[in-house]
Amino acid sequence: MIKVIAGNFKGRLLSKMSVRDIRPTQARVRKSIFQILEPLEGKSVLDLFAGTGILGIESISRGARNVIAIERNKEACQMIRKSINLLCAE
């Protein structure tokens, strides 16, 4: 399971990625990235080579206005959509 580490969705679990060769960014790496990038409030974020989409989801959780996630693996795109729909439903 992948866990959102901060922001509005903090602590929420996302579906485990079942796509081969795609791994989520580790929580400690995400923490370091966002310490450099913050504050994100009102900004647009590009999640290029999105993979699991956790960086984009974490950005939205931390206040980004919108996120564009680009991933060529169709299975990964479906998992990203599923994760976003899960969070939006809550």
PDB file of N, CA and C in Angstrom:
ATOM      1  N   MET A   1       0.833  -1.180   0.000  1.00  0.00           N
ATOM      2  CA  MET A   1       0.000   0.000   0.000  1.00  0.00           C
ATOM      3  C   MET A   1       0.877   1.243   0.000  1.00  0.00           C
ATOM      4  N   ILE A   2       0.372   2.264  -0.655  1.00  0.00           N
ATOM      5  CA  ILE A   2       1.061   3.544  -0.710  1.00  0.00           C
ATOM      6  C   ILE A   2       0.290   4.509   0.178  1.00  0.00           C
ATOM      7  N   LYS A   3       1.008   5.257   1.020  1.00  0.00           N
ATOM      8  CA  LYS A   3       0.357   6.185   1.941  1.00  0.00           C
ATOM      9  C   LYS A   3       0.745   7.618   1.598  1.00  0.00           C
ATOM     10  N   VAL A   4      -0.250   8.506   1.580  1.00  0.00           N
ATOM     11  CA  VAL A   4       0.003   9.932   1.408  1.00  0.00           C
ATOM     12  C   VAL A   4       0.572  10.429   2.730  1.00  0.00           C
ATOM     13  N   ILE A   5       1.697  11.161   2.674  1.00  0.00           N
ATOM     14  CA  ILE A   5       2.404  11.496   3.907  1.00  0.00           C
ATOM     15  C   ILE A   5       2.082  12.860   4.495  1.00  0.00           C
ATOM     16  N   ALA A   6       1.424  13.756   3.734  1.00  0.00           N
ATOM     17  CA  ALA A   6       1.129  15.087   4.285  1.00  0.00           C
ATOM     18  C   ALA A   6      -0.023  15.735   3.536  1.00  0.00           C
ATOM     19  N   GLY A   7      -0.550  16.794   4.114  1.00  0.00           N
ATOM     20  CA  GLY A   7      -1.594  17.575   3.461  1.00  0.00           C
ATOM     21  C   GLY A   7      -2.992  17.092   3.780  1.00  0.00           C
ATOM     22  N   ASN A   8      -3.941  17.480   2.944  1.00  0.00           N
ATOM     23  CA  ASN A   8      -5.359  17.160   3.149  1.00  0.00           C
ATOM     24  C   ASN A   8      -5.649  15.664   3.162  1.00  0.00           C
ATOM     25  N   PHE A   9      -4.885  14.895   2.399  1.00  0.00           N
ATOM     26  CA  PHE A   9      -5.112  13.452   2.307  1.00  0.00           C
ATOM     27  C   PHE A   9      -4.139  12.653   3.166  1.00  0.00           C
ATOM     28  N   LYS A  10      -3.499  13.315   4.117  1.00  0.00           N
ATOM     29  CA  LYS A  10      -2.481  12.656   4.954  1.00  0.00           C
ATOM     30  C   LYS A  10      -3.024  11.372   5.579  1.00  0.00           C
ATOM     31  N   GLY A  11      -2.229  10.314   5.445  1.00  0.00           N
ATOM     32  CA  GLY A  11      -2.582   9.035   6.047  1.00  0.00           C
ATOM     33  C   GLY A  11      -3.464   8.153   5.191  1.00  0.00           C
ATOM     34  N   ARG A  12      -3.991   8.676   4.100  1.00  0.00           N
ATOM     35  CA  ARG A  12      -4.866   7.875   3.234  1.00  0.00           C
ATOM     36  C   ARG A  12      -4.035   6.846   2.482  1.00  0.00           C
ATOM     37  N   LEU A  13      -4.564   5.650   2.401  1.00  0.00           N
ATOM     38  CA  LEU A  13      -3.883   4.566   1.694  1.00  0.00           C
ATOM     39  C   LEU A  13      -4.419   4.457   0.278  1.00  0.00           C
ATOM     40  N   LEU A  14      -3.519   4.239  -0.661  1.00  0.00           N
ATOM     41  CA  LEU A  14      -3.886   4.050  -2.055  1.00  0.00           C
ATOM     42  C   LEU A  14      -3.647   2.599  -2.434  1.00  0.00           C
ATOM     43  N   SER A  15      -4.258   2.187  -3.490  1.00  0.00           N
ATOM     44  CA  SER A  15      -4.112   0.805  -3.952  1.00  0.00           C
ATOM     45  C   SER A  15      -2.661   0.492  -4.263  1.00  0.00           C
ATOM     46  N   LYS A  16      -2.270  -0.715  -3.968  1.00  0.00           N
ATOM     47  CA  LYS A  16      -0.920  -1.149  -4.301  1.00  0.00           C
ATOM     48  C   LYS A  16      -0.817  -1.287  -5.815  1.00  0.00           C
ATOM     49  N   MET A  17       0.265  -0.783  -6.368  1.00  0.00           N
ATOM     50  CA  MET A  17       0.482  -0.831  -7.810  1.00  0.00           C
ATOM     51  C   MET A  17       0.848  -2.246  -8.214  1.00  0.00           C
ATOM     52  N   SER A  18       0.062  -2.820  -9.098  1.00  0.00           N
ATOM     53  CA  SER A  18       0.317  -4.189  -9.535  1.00  0.00           C
ATOM     54  C   SER A  18       0.969  -4.235 -10.913  1.00  0.00           C
ATOM     55  N   VAL A  19       1.446  -3.076 -11.381  1.00  0.00           N
ATOM     56  CA  VAL A  19       2.083  -3.008 -12.690  1.00  0.00           C
ATOM     57  C   VAL A  19       3.556  -3.342 -12.530  1.00  0.00           C
ATOM     58  N   ARG A  20       4.024  -4.251 -13.364  1.00  0.00           N
ATOM     59  CA  ARG A  20       5.420  -4.664 -13.300  1.00  0.00           C
ATOM     60  C   ARG A  20       6.356  -3.506 -13.643  1.00  0.00           C
ATOM     61  N   ASP A  21       7.489  -3.448 -13.021  1.00  0.00           N
ATOM     62  CA  ASP A  21       8.547  -2.465 -13.284  1.00  0.00           C
ATOM     63  C   ASP A  21       8.200  -1.047 -12.848  1.00  0.00           C
ATOM     64  N   ILE A  22       7.142  -0.863 -12.066  1.00  0.00           N
ATOM     65  CA  ILE A  22       6.819   0.462 -11.562  1.00  0.00           C
ATOM     66  C   ILE A  22       6.781   0.391 -10.045  1.00  0.00           C
ATOM     67  N   ARG A  23       7.578   1.254  -9.414  1.00  0.00           N
ATOM     68  CA  ARG A  23       7.620   1.301  -7.956  1.00  0.00           C
ATOM     69  C   ARG A  23       7.294   2.711  -7.496  1.00  0.00           C
ATOM     70  N   PRO A  24       6.599   2.849  -6.385  1.00  0.00           N
ATOM     71  CA  PRO A  24       6.304   4.196  -5.880  1.00  0.00           C
ATOM     72  C   PRO A  24       7.562   4.851  -5.317  1.00  0.00           C
ATOM     73  N   THR A  25       7.578   6.171  -5.375  1.00  0.00           N
ATOM     74  CA  THR A  25       8.673   6.923  -4.769  1.00  0.00           C
ATOM     75  C   THR A  25       8.596   6.731  -3.261  1.00  0.00           C
ATOM     76  N   GLN A  26       9.710   6.434  -2.633  1.00  0.00           N
ATOM     77  CA  GLN A  26       9.735   6.201  -1.185  1.00  0.00           C
ATOM     78  C   GLN A  26       9.295   7.445  -0.430  1.00  0.00           C
ATOM     79  N   ALA A  27       8.675   7.230   0.717  1.00  0.00           N
ATOM     80  CA  ALA A  27       8.150   8.338   1.530  1.00  0.00           C
ATOM     81  C   ALA A  27       9.244   9.328   1.916  1.00  0.00           C
ATOM     82  N   ARG A  28      10.417   8.843   2.260  1.00  0.00           N
ATOM     83  CA  ARG A  28      11.481   9.766   2.677  1.00  0.00           C
ATOM     84  C   ARG A  28      11.977  10.612   1.503  1.00  0.00           C
ATOM     85  N   VAL A  29      11.946  10.055   0.290  1.00  0.00           N
ATOM     86  CA  VAL A  29      12.331  10.817  -0.901  1.00  0.00           C
ATOM     87  C   VAL A  29      11.265  11.869  -1.189  1.00  0.00           C
ATOM     88  N   ARG A  30       9.981  11.488  -1.096  1.00  0.00           N
ATOM     89  CA  ARG A  30       8.886  12.447  -1.300  1.00  0.00           C
ATOM     90  C   ARG A  30       8.977  13.590  -0.298  1.00  0.00           C
ATOM     91  N   LYS A  31       9.256  13.255   0.951  1.00  0.00           N
ATOM     92  CA  LYS A  31       9.375  14.279   1.988  1.00  0.00           C
ATOM     93  C   LYS A  31      10.460  15.285   1.621  1.00  0.00           C
ATOM     94  N   SER A  32      11.601  14.798   1.179  1.00  0.00           N
ATOM     95  CA  SER A  32      12.712  15.677   0.805  1.00  0.00           C
ATOM     96  C   SER A  32      12.359  16.542  -0.406  1.00  0.00           C
ATOM     97  N   ILE A  33      11.723  15.942  -1.402  1.00  0.00           N
ATOM     98  CA  ILE A  33      11.326  16.687  -2.603  1.00  0.00           C
ATOM     99  C   ILE A  33      10.392  17.831  -2.224  1.00  0.00           C
ATOM    100  N   PHE A  34       9.388  17.533  -1.401  1.00  0.00           N
ATOM    101  CA  PHE A  34       8.401  18.553  -1.069  1.00  0.00           C
ATOM    102  C   PHE A  34       8.947  19.595  -0.100  1.00  0.00           C
ATOM    103  N   GLN A  35       9.953  19.273   0.683  1.00  0.00           N
ATOM    104  CA  GLN A  35      10.594  20.283   1.522  1.00  0.00           C
ATOM    105  C   GLN A  35      11.285  21.329   0.652  1.00  0.00           C
ATOM    106  N   ILE A  36      11.786  20.895  -0.491  1.00  0.00           N
ATOM    107  CA  ILE A  36      12.434  21.815  -1.432  1.00  0.00           C
ATOM    108  C   ILE A  36      11.394  22.623  -2.196  1.00  0.00           C
ATOM    109  N   LEU A  37      10.311  21.980  -2.630  1.00  0.00           N
ATOM    110  CA  LEU A  37       9.328  22.620  -3.508  1.00  0.00           C
ATOM    111  C   LEU A  37       8.285  23.469  -2.793  1.00  0.00           C
ATOM    112  N   GLU A  38       8.009  23.183  -1.539  1.00  0.00           N
ATOM    113  CA  GLU A  38       6.915  23.889  -0.864  1.00  0.00           C
ATOM    114  C   GLU A  38       7.214  25.370  -0.713  1.00  0.00           C
ATOM    115  N   PRO A  39       6.190  26.209  -0.690  1.00  0.00           N
ATOM    116  CA  PRO A  39       4.762  25.922  -0.669  1.00  0.00           C
ATOM    117  C   PRO A  39       4.210  25.685  -2.083  1.00  0.00           C
ATOM    118  N   LEU A  40       3.224  24.811  -2.185  1.00  0.00           N
ATOM    119  CA  LEU A  40       2.622  24.465  -3.474  1.00  0.00           C
ATOM    120  C   LEU A  40       1.256  25.108  -3.683  1.00  0.00           C
ATOM    121  N   GLU A  41       0.726  25.813  -2.697  1.00  0.00           N
ATOM    122  CA  GLU A  41      -0.608  26.368  -2.785  1.00  0.00           C
ATOM    123  C   GLU A  41      -0.776  27.190  -4.058  1.00  0.00           C
ATOM    124  N   GLY A  42      -1.777  26.811  -4.851  1.00  0.00           N
ATOM    125  CA  GLY A  42      -2.122  27.545  -6.058  1.00  0.00           C
ATOM    126  C   GLY A  42      -1.224  27.301  -7.255  1.00  0.00           C
ATOM    127  N   LYS A  43      -0.267  26.422  -7.148  1.00  0.00           N
ATOM    128  CA  LYS A  43       0.662  26.173  -8.250  1.00  0.00           C
ATOM    129  C   LYS A  43       0.203  24.988  -9.089  1.00  0.00           C
ATOM    130  N   SER A  44       0.678  24.948 -10.324  1.00  0.00           N
ATOM    131  CA  SER A  44       0.440  23.818 -11.215  1.00  0.00           C
ATOM    132  C   SER A  44       1.653  22.900 -11.161  1.00  0.00           C
ATOM    133  N   VAL A  45       1.406  21.601 -11.212  1.00  0.00           N
ATOM    134  CA  VAL A  45       2.478  20.611 -11.087  1.00  0.00           C
ATOM    135  C   VAL A  45       2.439  19.664 -12.282  1.00  0.00           C
ATOM    136  N   LEU A  46       3.607  19.359 -12.825  1.00  0.00           N
ATOM    137  CA  LEU A  46       3.736  18.369 -13.897  1.00  0.00           C
ATOM    138  C   LEU A  46       4.411  17.134 -13.311  1.00  0.00           C
ATOM    139  N   ASP A  47       3.702  16.015 -13.344  1.00  0.00           N
ATOM    140  CA  ASP A  47       4.250  14.736 -12.875  1.00  0.00           C
ATOM    141  C   ASP A  47       4.587  13.920 -14.123  1.00  0.00           C
ATOM    142  N   LEU A  48       5.775  14.154 -14.643  1.00  0.00           N
ATOM    143  CA  LEU A  48       6.221  13.499 -15.867  1.00  0.00           C
ATOM    144  C   LEU A  48       6.771  12.121 -15.517  1.00  0.00           C
ATOM    145  N   PHE A  49       6.428  11.118 -16.315  1.00  0.00           N
ATOM    146  CA  PHE A  49       6.753   9.726 -16.000  1.00  0.00           C
ATOM    147  C   PHE A  49       6.129   9.378 -14.655  1.00  0.00           C
ATOM    148  N   ALA A  50       4.832   9.561 -14.548  1.00  0.00           N
ATOM    149  CA  ALA A  50       4.097   9.520 -13.283  1.00  0.00           C
ATOM    150  C   ALA A  50       4.179   8.187 -12.548  1.00  0.00           C
ATOM    151  N   GLY A  51       4.262   7.091 -13.262  1.00  0.00           N
ATOM    152  CA  GLY A  51       4.346   5.787 -12.592  1.00  0.00           C
ATOM    153  C   GLY A  51       3.118   5.518 -11.756  1.00  0.00           C
ATOM    154  N   THR A  52       3.268   5.548 -10.446  1.00  0.00           N
ATOM    155  CA  THR A  52       2.140   5.308  -9.544  1.00  0.00           C
ATOM    156  C   THR A  52       1.278   6.553  -9.366  1.00  0.00           C
ATOM    157  N   GLY A  53       1.797   7.716  -9.717  1.00  0.00           N
ATOM    158  CA  GLY A  53       1.062   8.960  -9.569  1.00  0.00           C
ATOM    159  C   GLY A  53       1.144   9.556  -8.185  1.00  0.00           C
ATOM    160  N   ILE A  54       1.906   8.959  -7.297  1.00  0.00           N
ATOM    161  CA  ILE A  54       1.935   9.403  -5.907  1.00  0.00           C
ATOM    162  C   ILE A  54       2.510  10.812  -5.765  1.00  0.00           C
ATOM    163  N   LEU A  55       3.456  11.206  -6.604  1.00  0.00           N
ATOM    164  CA  LEU A  55       3.983  12.570  -6.494  1.00  0.00           C
ATOM    165  C   LEU A  55       2.917  13.602  -6.846  1.00  0.00           C
ATOM    166  N   GLY A  56       2.120  13.321  -7.868  1.00  0.00           N
ATOM    167  CA  GLY A  56       1.031  14.223  -8.232  1.00  0.00           C
ATOM    168  C   GLY A  56      -0.051  14.259  -7.175  1.00  0.00           C
ATOM    169  N   ILE A  57      -0.397  13.109  -6.641  1.00  0.00           N
ATOM    170  CA  ILE A  57      -1.421  13.025  -5.593  1.00  0.00           C
ATOM    171  C   ILE A  57      -0.937  13.744  -4.335  1.00  0.00           C
ATOM    172  N   GLU A  58       0.304  13.550  -4.004  1.00  0.00           N
ATOM    173  CA  GLU A  58       0.887  14.236  -2.847  1.00  0.00           C
ATOM    174  C   GLU A  58       0.873  15.754  -3.069  1.00  0.00           C
ATOM    175  N   SER A  59       1.111  16.196  -4.297  1.00  0.00           N
ATOM    176  CA  SER A  59       1.073  17.626  -4.620  1.00  0.00           C
ATOM    177  C   SER A  59      -0.310  18.209  -4.404  1.00  0.00           C
ATOM    178  N   ILE A  60      -1.327  17.500  -4.872  1.00  0.00           N
ATOM    179  CA  ILE A  60      -2.717  17.959  -4.681  1.00  0.00           C
ATOM    180  C   ILE A  60      -3.031  18.008  -3.181  1.00  0.00           C
ATOM    181  N   SER A  61      -2.595  16.989  -2.466  1.00  0.00           N
ATOM    182  CA  SER A  61      -2.827  16.935  -1.037  1.00  0.00           C
ATOM    183  C   SER A  61      -2.209  18.136  -0.326  1.00  0.00           C
ATOM    184  N   ARG A  62      -1.085  18.609  -0.847  1.00  0.00           N
ATOM    185  CA  ARG A  62      -0.367  19.723  -0.230  1.00  0.00           C
ATOM    186  C   ARG A  62      -0.779  21.084  -0.782  1.00  0.00           C
ATOM    187  N   GLY A  63      -1.826  21.123  -1.606  1.00  0.00           N
ATOM    188  CA  GLY A  63      -2.382  22.405  -2.018  1.00  0.00           C
ATOM    189  C   GLY A  63      -2.159  22.832  -3.445  1.00  0.00           C
ATOM    190  N   ALA A  64      -1.585  21.992  -4.285  1.00  0.00           N
ATOM    191  CA  ALA A  64      -1.405  22.367  -5.688  1.00  0.00           C
ATOM    192  C   ALA A  64      -2.776  22.585  -6.344  1.00  0.00           C
ATOM    193  N   ARG A  65      -2.847  23.572  -7.217  1.00  0.00           N
ATOM    194  CA  ARG A  65      -4.102  23.901  -7.888  1.00  0.00           C
ATOM    195  C   ARG A  65      -4.506  22.791  -8.859  1.00  0.00           C
ATOM    196  N   ASN A  66      -3.550  22.334  -9.649  1.00  0.00           N
ATOM    197  CA  ASN A  66      -3.822  21.224 -10.562  1.00  0.00           C
ATOM    198  C   ASN A  66      -2.529  20.452 -10.842  1.00  0.00           C
ATOM    199  N   VAL A  67      -2.719  19.230 -11.313  1.00  0.00           N
ATOM    200  CA  VAL A  67      -1.594  18.348 -11.631  1.00  0.00           C
ATOM    201  C   VAL A  67      -1.832  17.737 -13.002  1.00  0.00           C
ATOM    202  N   ILE A  68      -0.801  17.747 -13.816  1.00  0.00           N
ATOM    203  CA  ILE A  68      -0.823  17.028 -15.081  1.00  0.00           C
ATOM    204  C   ILE A  68       0.115  15.847 -14.903  1.00  0.00           C
ATOM    205  N   ALA A  69      -0.438  14.632 -14.989  1.00  0.00           N
ATOM    206  CA  ALA A  69       0.362  13.411 -14.833  1.00  0.00           C
ATOM    207  C   ALA A  69       0.491  12.758 -16.208  1.00  0.00           C
ATOM    208  N   ILE A  70       1.706  12.497 -16.610  1.00  0.00           N
ATOM    209  CA  ILE A  70       1.966  11.872 -17.906  1.00  0.00           C
ATOM    210  C   ILE A  70       2.627  10.523 -17.674  1.00  0.00           C
ATOM    211  N   GLU A  71       2.001   9.482 -18.199  1.00  0.00           N
ATOM    212  CA  GLU A  71       2.516   8.117 -18.078  1.00  0.00           C
ATOM    213  C   GLU A  71       2.088   7.345 -19.322  1.00  0.00           C
ATOM    214  N   ARG A  72       3.008   6.634 -19.943  1.00  0.00           N
ATOM    215  CA  ARG A  72       2.654   5.925 -21.164  1.00  0.00           C
ATOM    216  C   ARG A  72       2.131   4.511 -20.919  1.00  0.00           C
ATOM    217  N   ASN A  73       2.387   3.959 -19.757  1.00  0.00           N
ATOM    218  CA  ASN A  73       1.904   2.620 -19.433  1.00  0.00           C
ATOM    219  C   ASN A  73       0.411   2.691 -19.108  1.00  0.00           C
ATOM    220  N   LYS A  74      -0.408   2.041 -19.913  1.00  0.00           N
ATOM    221  CA  LYS A  74      -1.867   2.131 -19.773  1.00  0.00           C
ATOM    222  C   LYS A  74      -2.349   1.560 -18.445  1.00  0.00           C
ATOM    223  N   GLU A  75      -1.741   0.495 -17.987  1.00  0.00           N
ATOM    224  CA  GLU A  75      -2.126  -0.089 -16.694  1.00  0.00           C
ATOM    225  C   GLU A  75      -1.845   0.889 -15.559  1.00  0.00           C
ATOM    226  N   ALA A  76      -0.704   1.554 -15.638  1.00  0.00           N
ATOM    227  CA  ALA A  76      -0.353   2.538 -14.609  1.00  0.00           C
ATOM    228  C   ALA A  76      -1.338   3.705 -14.640  1.00  0.00           C
ATOM    229  N   CYS A  77      -1.724   4.146 -15.834  1.00  0.00           N
ATOM    230  CA  CYS A  77      -2.710   5.231 -15.958  1.00  0.00           C
ATOM    231  C   CYS A  77      -4.030   4.838 -15.312  1.00  0.00           C
ATOM    232  N   GLN A  78      -4.447   3.611 -15.509  1.00  0.00           N
ATOM    233  CA  GLN A  78      -5.689   3.147 -14.894  1.00  0.00           C
ATOM    234  C   GLN A  78      -5.572   3.144 -13.374  1.00  0.00           C
ATOM    235  N   MET A  79      -4.427   2.743 -12.850  1.00  0.00           N
ATOM    236  CA  MET A  79      -4.229   2.741 -11.402  1.00  0.00           C
ATOM    237  C   MET A  79      -4.210   4.171 -10.842  1.00  0.00           C
ATOM    238  N   ILE A  80      -3.625   5.102 -11.593  1.00  0.00           N
ATOM    239  CA  ILE A  80      -3.613   6.501 -11.156  1.00  0.00           C
ATOM    240  C   ILE A  80      -5.044   7.031 -11.096  1.00  0.00           C
ATOM    241  N   ARG A  81      -5.823   6.756 -12.137  1.00  0.00           N
ATOM    242  CA  ARG A  81      -7.228   7.187 -12.147  1.00  0.00           C
ATOM    243  C   ARG A  81      -7.997   6.586 -10.975  1.00  0.00           C
ATOM    244  N   LYS A  82      -7.757   5.305 -10.710  1.00  0.00           N
ATOM    245  CA  LYS A  82      -8.429   4.632  -9.606  1.00  0.00           C
ATOM    246  C   LYS A  82      -8.073   5.296  -8.270  1.00  0.00           C
ATOM    247  N   SER A  83      -6.811   5.622  -8.082  1.00  0.00           N
ATOM    248  CA  SER A  83      -6.366   6.269  -6.844  1.00  0.00           C
ATOM    249  C   SER A  83      -6.999   7.651  -6.690  1.00  0.00           C
ATOM    250  N   ILE A  84      -7.020   8.422  -7.771  1.00  0.00           N
ATOM    251  CA  ILE A  84      -7.606   9.766  -7.717  1.00  0.00           C
ATOM    252  C   ILE A  84      -9.105   9.678  -7.429  1.00  0.00           C
ATOM    253  N   ASN A  85      -9.787   8.759  -8.102  1.00  0.00           N
ATOM    254  CA  ASN A  85     -11.227   8.592  -7.849  1.00  0.00           C
ATOM    255  C   ASN A  85     -11.494   8.170  -6.410  1.00  0.00           C
ATOM    256  N   LEU A  86     -10.641   7.340  -5.864  1.00  0.00           N
ATOM    257  CA  LEU A  86     -10.781   6.902  -4.471  1.00  0.00           C
ATOM    258  C   LEU A  86     -10.663   8.103  -3.527  1.00  0.00           C
ATOM    259  N   LEU A  87      -9.685   8.951  -3.753  1.00  0.00           N
ATOM    260  CA  LEU A  87      -9.497  10.122  -2.900  1.00  0.00           C
ATOM    261  C   LEU A  87     -10.618  11.147  -3.085  1.00  0.00           C
ATOM    262  N   CYS A  88     -11.061  11.347  -4.310  1.00  0.00           N
ATOM    263  CA  CYS A  88     -12.123  12.322  -4.578  1.00  0.00           C
ATOM    264  C   CYS A  88     -13.453  11.864  -3.999  1.00  0.00           C
ATOM    265  N   ALA A  89     -13.679  10.568  -3.948  1.00  0.00           N
ATOM    266  CA  ALA A  89     -14.915  10.039  -3.399  1.00  0.00           C
ATOM    267  C   ALA A  89     -14.993  10.292  -1.892  1.00  0.00           C
ATOM    268  N   GLU A  90     -13.840  10.317  -1.234  1.00  0.00           N
ATOM    269  CA  GLU A  90     -13.798  10.574   0.200  1.00  0.00           C
ATOM    270  C   GLU A  90     -14.000  12.036   0.479  1.00  0.00           C
TER     271      GLU A  90
END
